[in-house]
Amino acid sequence: MANFPSIAPTFNAVKSSQPAIKTTKFGDGYEQRAVNGINNLAEDYRLTFRNRTKEEIDDIIAFLDNKAGVTSFNFTIPDSNVGGSSEKTIKVVCDTYSQTYEYDDFYTCTATFRRIYEA
């Protein structure tokens, strides 16, 4: 399995999480909630690679084009909760990405990585 190119995103990356929950509501206002499934936390990472050279952006776009939103790849994120390490590697797919011409020979790429759970 391939890893994402070792090009660090611009910091202002956004992680969004949404737990999968089953909720049952009763007529008297009472409700019960339970997690839905084993891997019940959906995570998205919105990344920006701002004002990078054409070569760097071309490498990122070529990598994402090759995966076509279907093939998963490893992505390493900072995580201070991992024992003894400050990074955590997760499996993701990239369904959405774009390239923007900024100026001269500099471009920006934005991408959304969706965490997946597979063997």
Protein backbone atom coordinates (compact mmCIF):
# COMPACT_ATOMS: atom_id res chain seq x y z
CA MET A 1 0.00 0.00 0.00
CA ALA A 2 1.35 3.39 -0.97
CA ASN A 3 1.81 6.30 1.37
CA PHE A 4 0.81 9.83 0.54
CA PRO A 5 3.84 11.83 -0.73
CA SER A 6 5.86 13.30 2.12
CA ILE A 7 4.73 16.85 1.42
CA ALA A 8 3.35 18.50 4.55
CA PRO A 9 0.06 20.37 4.22
CA THR A 10 -0.24 24.04 5.11
CA PHE A 11 -1.30 24.32 8.70
CA ASN A 12 -4.94 25.11 8.99
CA ALA A 13 -5.87 21.51 8.23
CA VAL A 14 -9.34 20.67 9.51
CA LYS A 15 -10.44 17.38 11.03
CA SER A 16 -14.19 16.73 11.13
CA SER A 17 -15.65 13.84 13.11
CA GLN A 18 -19.15 12.45 13.18
CA PRO A 19 -20.06 9.47 15.36
CA ALA A 20 -22.56 6.96 13.96
CA ILE A 21 -25.29 6.75 16.57
CA LYS A 22 -28.63 4.97 16.72
CA THR A 23 -31.21 7.03 18.58
CA THR A 24 -34.63 5.94 19.77
CA LYS A 25 -36.99 8.69 20.95
CA PHE A 26 -39.98 8.06 23.14
CA GLY A 27 -43.14 10.13 23.42
CA ASP A 28 -42.34 11.52 26.86
CA GLY A 29 -39.11 13.19 25.64
CA TYR A 30 -36.90 10.34 26.79
CA GLU A 31 -34.32 9.07 24.30
CA GLN A 32 -31.77 6.28 24.17
CA ARG A 33 -28.53 6.47 22.19
CA ALA A 34 -26.07 3.73 21.23
CA VAL A 35 -23.06 3.55 18.94
CA ASN A 36 -23.78 2.03 15.54
CA GLY A 37 -21.13 -0.49 14.51
CA ILE A 38 -17.55 -1.26 15.42
CA ASN A 39 -15.82 1.64 13.63
CA ASN A 40 -18.46 4.20 14.34
CA LEU A 41 -16.47 7.42 14.08
CA ALA A 42 -16.42 8.96 10.61
CA GLU A 43 -13.44 11.29 10.13
CA ASP A 44 -12.64 13.70 7.30
CA TYR A 45 -9.43 15.69 6.93
CA ARG A 46 -9.57 18.84 4.78
CA LEU A 47 -6.03 19.67 3.74
CA THR A 48 -4.53 22.59 1.86
CA PHE A 49 -1.15 22.68 0.17
CA ARG A 50 -0.87 26.43 -0.42
CA ASN A 51 1.57 28.30 -2.70
CA ARG A 52 3.63 25.27 -3.67
CA THR A 53 5.74 24.82 -6.75
CA LYS A 54 4.14 23.30 -9.82
CA GLU A 55 6.29 20.18 -9.33
CA GLU A 56 5.00 19.58 -5.78
CA ILE A 57 1.37 20.09 -6.80
CA ASP A 58 1.85 17.90 -9.88
CA ASP A 59 3.18 15.11 -7.60
CA ILE A 60 0.17 15.40 -5.27
CA ILE A 61 -2.39 15.52 -8.10
CA ALA A 62 -0.74 12.60 -9.93
CA PHE A 63 -0.83 10.53 -6.74
CA LEU A 64 -4.52 11.33 -6.15
CA ASP A 65 -5.41 10.75 -9.83
CA ASN A 66 -3.76 7.33 -9.61
CA LYS A 67 -5.90 6.39 -6.58
CA ALA A 68 -9.09 7.71 -8.28
CA GLY A 69 -10.99 7.89 -4.98
CA VAL A 70 -11.14 4.07 -4.86
CA THR A 71 -7.76 2.81 -3.70
CA SER A 72 -6.87 3.52 -0.08
CA PHE A 73 -3.51 4.86 1.02
CA ASN A 74 -1.74 5.64 4.27
CA PHE A 75 -1.77 9.15 5.66
CA THR A 76 0.25 10.19 8.71
CA ILE A 77 -1.17 12.83 11.01
CA PRO A 78 0.21 14.47 14.15
CA ASP A 79 -1.30 12.87 17.28
CA SER A 80 0.00 13.55 20.78
CA ASN A 81 -2.19 10.74 22.19
CA VAL A 82 -0.13 7.98 20.56
CA GLY A 83 2.21 6.49 23.16
CA GLY A 84 5.83 7.47 22.63
CA SER A 85 5.19 9.00 19.21
CA SER A 86 3.72 12.20 17.93
CA GLU A 87 2.28 10.72 14.73
CA LYS A 88 -0.47 8.28 13.81
CA THR A 89 -0.91 6.59 10.44
CA ILE A 90 -4.44 5.93 9.18
CA LYS A 91 -5.97 4.57 5.96
CA VAL A 92 -7.83 7.08 3.83
CA VAL A 93 -9.36 7.62 0.42
CA CYS A 94 -9.58 10.96 -1.36
CA ASP A 95 -12.93 11.57 -3.06
CA THR A 96 -12.50 15.30 -3.66
CA TYR A 97 -9.51 17.43 -4.58
CA SER A 98 -8.76 20.50 -6.65
CA GLN A 99 -5.84 22.48 -8.05
CA THR A 100 -5.68 26.27 -8.18
CA TYR A 101 -3.21 28.41 -10.12
CA GLU A 102 -1.93 31.13 -7.76
CA TYR A 103 0.80 33.12 -9.54
CA ASP A 104 3.97 32.56 -11.56
CA ASP A 105 4.87 28.90 -11.04
CA PHE A 106 2.98 28.44 -7.77
CA TYR A 107 -0.22 26.46 -7.20
CA THR A 108 -2.51 25.36 -4.39
CA CYS A 109 -4.14 21.98 -3.93
CA THR A 110 -7.04 21.30 -1.60
CA ALA A 111 -8.12 17.75 -0.78
CA THR A 112 -10.51 15.94 1.53
CA PHE A 113 -9.28 12.64 2.93
CA ARG A 114 -11.92 10.31 4.34
CA ARG A 115 -10.77 7.78 6.93
CA ILE A 116 -11.70 4.21 6.13
CA TYR A 117 -11.51 0.98 8.06
CA GLU A 118 -10.30 -2.00 6.07
CA ALA A 119 -7.79 -4.82 6.45
